[in-house]
Amino acid sequence: MEIGSLSEWVTAAAEIAAVCVALFLPYYEKRQEKKKRTRNLKLVLRSLVNAALETGSTSNLKSYLKISYLINDNDNDKPIFSVAQQAITIIDDETLSELEKKKEIDELLQYLKK
């Protein structure tokens, strides 16, 4: 029984490596895309929460939150939506002073900076 030449072994190893890359690459790209979406979601929500705090109007934040929640397919982003919903509750609370609102919003935004 012959084991073959060195070139056949190198070709076989290259084919195995190509198959491994072909199987792993879509998973890696999807994972990177989810990370990018989560990062972008955090950035936009942070910006919208700060704008809502300054203006006192949460309409833009609520609209973005509803749309993002409907199109989001990543279960790991659920806590981010929860933080945004808490921010809306704080901003809409009439019993809190502006300083108290700012302090509580800053605590919530620390989560979005991670």
Protein backbone atom coordinates (compact mmCIF):
# COMPACT_ATOMS: atom_id res chain seq x y z
CA MET A 1 0.00 0.00 0.00
CA GLU A 2 1.42 3.38 -1.05
CA ILE A 3 0.95 6.46 1.13
CA GLY A 4 1.31 8.93 -1.74
CA SER A 5 3.67 11.72 -2.53
CA LEU A 6 4.31 14.82 -0.45
CA SER A 7 2.36 17.01 -2.89
CA GLU A 8 -0.77 14.88 -2.42
CA TRP A 9 -0.49 15.25 1.36
CA VAL A 10 -0.06 19.03 1.10
CA THR A 11 -3.05 19.23 -1.23
CA ALA A 12 -5.18 17.19 1.17
CA ALA A 13 -4.17 19.38 4.12
CA ALA A 14 -5.01 22.52 2.13
CA GLU A 15 -8.43 21.13 1.22
CA ILE A 16 -9.16 20.30 4.86
CA ALA A 17 -8.13 23.82 5.89
CA ALA A 18 -10.35 25.32 3.17
CA VAL A 19 -13.35 23.32 4.37
CA CYS A 20 -12.74 24.40 7.98
CA VAL A 21 -12.56 28.06 6.95
CA ALA A 22 -15.69 27.73 4.82
CA LEU A 23 -17.59 26.27 7.76
CA PHE A 24 -16.32 28.73 10.38
CA LEU A 25 -16.31 32.02 8.45
CA PRO A 26 -20.10 32.62 8.30
CA TYR A 27 -20.37 32.04 12.05
CA TYR A 28 -17.53 34.47 12.73
CA GLU A 29 -18.97 37.15 10.44
CA LYS A 30 -22.43 36.83 12.01
CA ARG A 31 -20.95 37.16 15.48
CA GLN A 32 -18.99 40.25 14.49
CA GLU A 33 -22.11 41.79 12.94
CA LYS A 34 -24.09 41.22 16.16
CA LYS A 35 -21.34 42.89 18.19
CA LYS A 36 -21.36 45.84 15.82
CA ARG A 37 -25.15 46.19 16.02
CA THR A 38 -25.08 46.04 19.82
CA ARG A 39 -22.36 48.69 19.95
CA ASN A 40 -24.29 50.94 17.57
CA LEU A 41 -27.50 50.42 19.53
CA LYS A 42 -25.78 51.48 22.74
CA LEU A 43 -24.29 54.57 21.11
CA VAL A 44 -27.58 55.73 19.61
CA LEU A 45 -29.55 55.06 22.79
CA ARG A 46 -26.99 56.94 24.87
CA SER A 47 -27.27 59.90 22.53
CA LEU A 48 -31.08 59.82 22.49
CA VAL A 49 -31.32 59.49 26.28
CA ASN A 50 -29.05 62.50 26.74
CA ALA A 51 -31.07 64.51 24.21
CA ALA A 52 -34.32 63.51 25.91
CA LEU A 53 -32.92 64.54 29.27
CA GLU A 54 -31.94 67.95 27.91
CA THR A 55 -35.22 68.63 26.14
CA GLY A 56 -37.55 66.80 28.50
CA SER A 57 -39.26 65.10 25.55
CA THR A 58 -38.99 61.33 25.17
CA SER A 59 -40.91 60.99 21.90
CA ASN A 60 -37.82 60.38 19.72
CA LEU A 61 -36.42 57.90 22.23
CA LYS A 62 -39.72 56.02 22.43
CA SER A 63 -40.02 55.84 18.65
CA TYR A 64 -36.47 54.58 18.18
CA LEU A 65 -36.92 52.07 20.99
CA LYS A 66 -40.08 50.62 19.44
CA ILE A 67 -38.56 50.30 15.99
CA SER A 68 -35.29 48.84 17.28
CA TYR A 69 -37.11 46.33 19.44
CA LEU A 70 -39.10 45.08 16.46
CA ILE A 71 -36.13 44.62 14.14
CA ASN A 72 -33.66 43.31 16.71
CA ASP A 73 -32.96 39.57 16.62
CA ASN A 74 -30.30 39.43 19.32
CA ASP A 75 -31.57 38.23 22.70
CA ASN A 76 -28.48 39.66 24.38
CA ASP A 77 -29.77 43.18 23.65
CA LYS A 78 -32.85 42.81 25.87
CA PRO A 79 -31.11 44.40 28.91
CA ILE A 80 -30.20 47.41 26.76
CA PHE A 81 -33.86 47.95 25.91
CA SER A 82 -34.70 47.61 29.58
CA VAL A 83 -32.21 50.34 30.47
CA ALA A 84 -33.69 52.63 27.81
CA GLN A 85 -37.20 51.97 29.13
CA GLN A 86 -36.04 52.83 32.66
CA ALA A 87 -34.54 56.05 31.31
CA ILE A 88 -37.88 56.97 29.75
CA THR A 89 -39.61 56.34 33.06
CA ILE A 90 -37.13 58.54 34.90
CA ILE A 91 -37.31 61.39 32.38
CA ASP A 92 -41.12 61.33 32.36
CA ASP A 93 -41.32 61.30 36.18
CA GLU A 94 -42.62 64.71 37.25
CA THR A 95 -41.79 64.20 40.94
CA LEU A 96 -38.02 64.15 40.38
CA SER A 97 -35.95 67.30 40.12
CA GLU A 98 -33.66 67.85 37.14
CA LEU A 99 -30.62 67.09 39.30
CA GLU A 100 -32.09 63.81 40.52
CA LYS A 101 -33.03 62.84 36.98
CA LYS A 102 -29.50 63.60 35.77
CA LYS A 103 -27.97 61.54 38.56
CA GLU A 104 -30.20 58.50 37.91
CA ILE A 105 -29.73 58.74 34.14
CA ASP A 106 -25.94 58.88 34.58
CA GLU A 107 -26.11 55.67 36.63
CA LEU A 108 -28.16 53.99 33.89
CA LEU A 109 -25.85 55.20 31.13
CA GLN A 110 -22.88 53.59 32.87
CA TYR A 111 -24.36 50.26 31.79
CA LEU A 112 -24.49 51.42 28.17
CA LYS A 113 -20.80 52.43 28.27
CA LYS A 114 -19.67 48.85 28.88
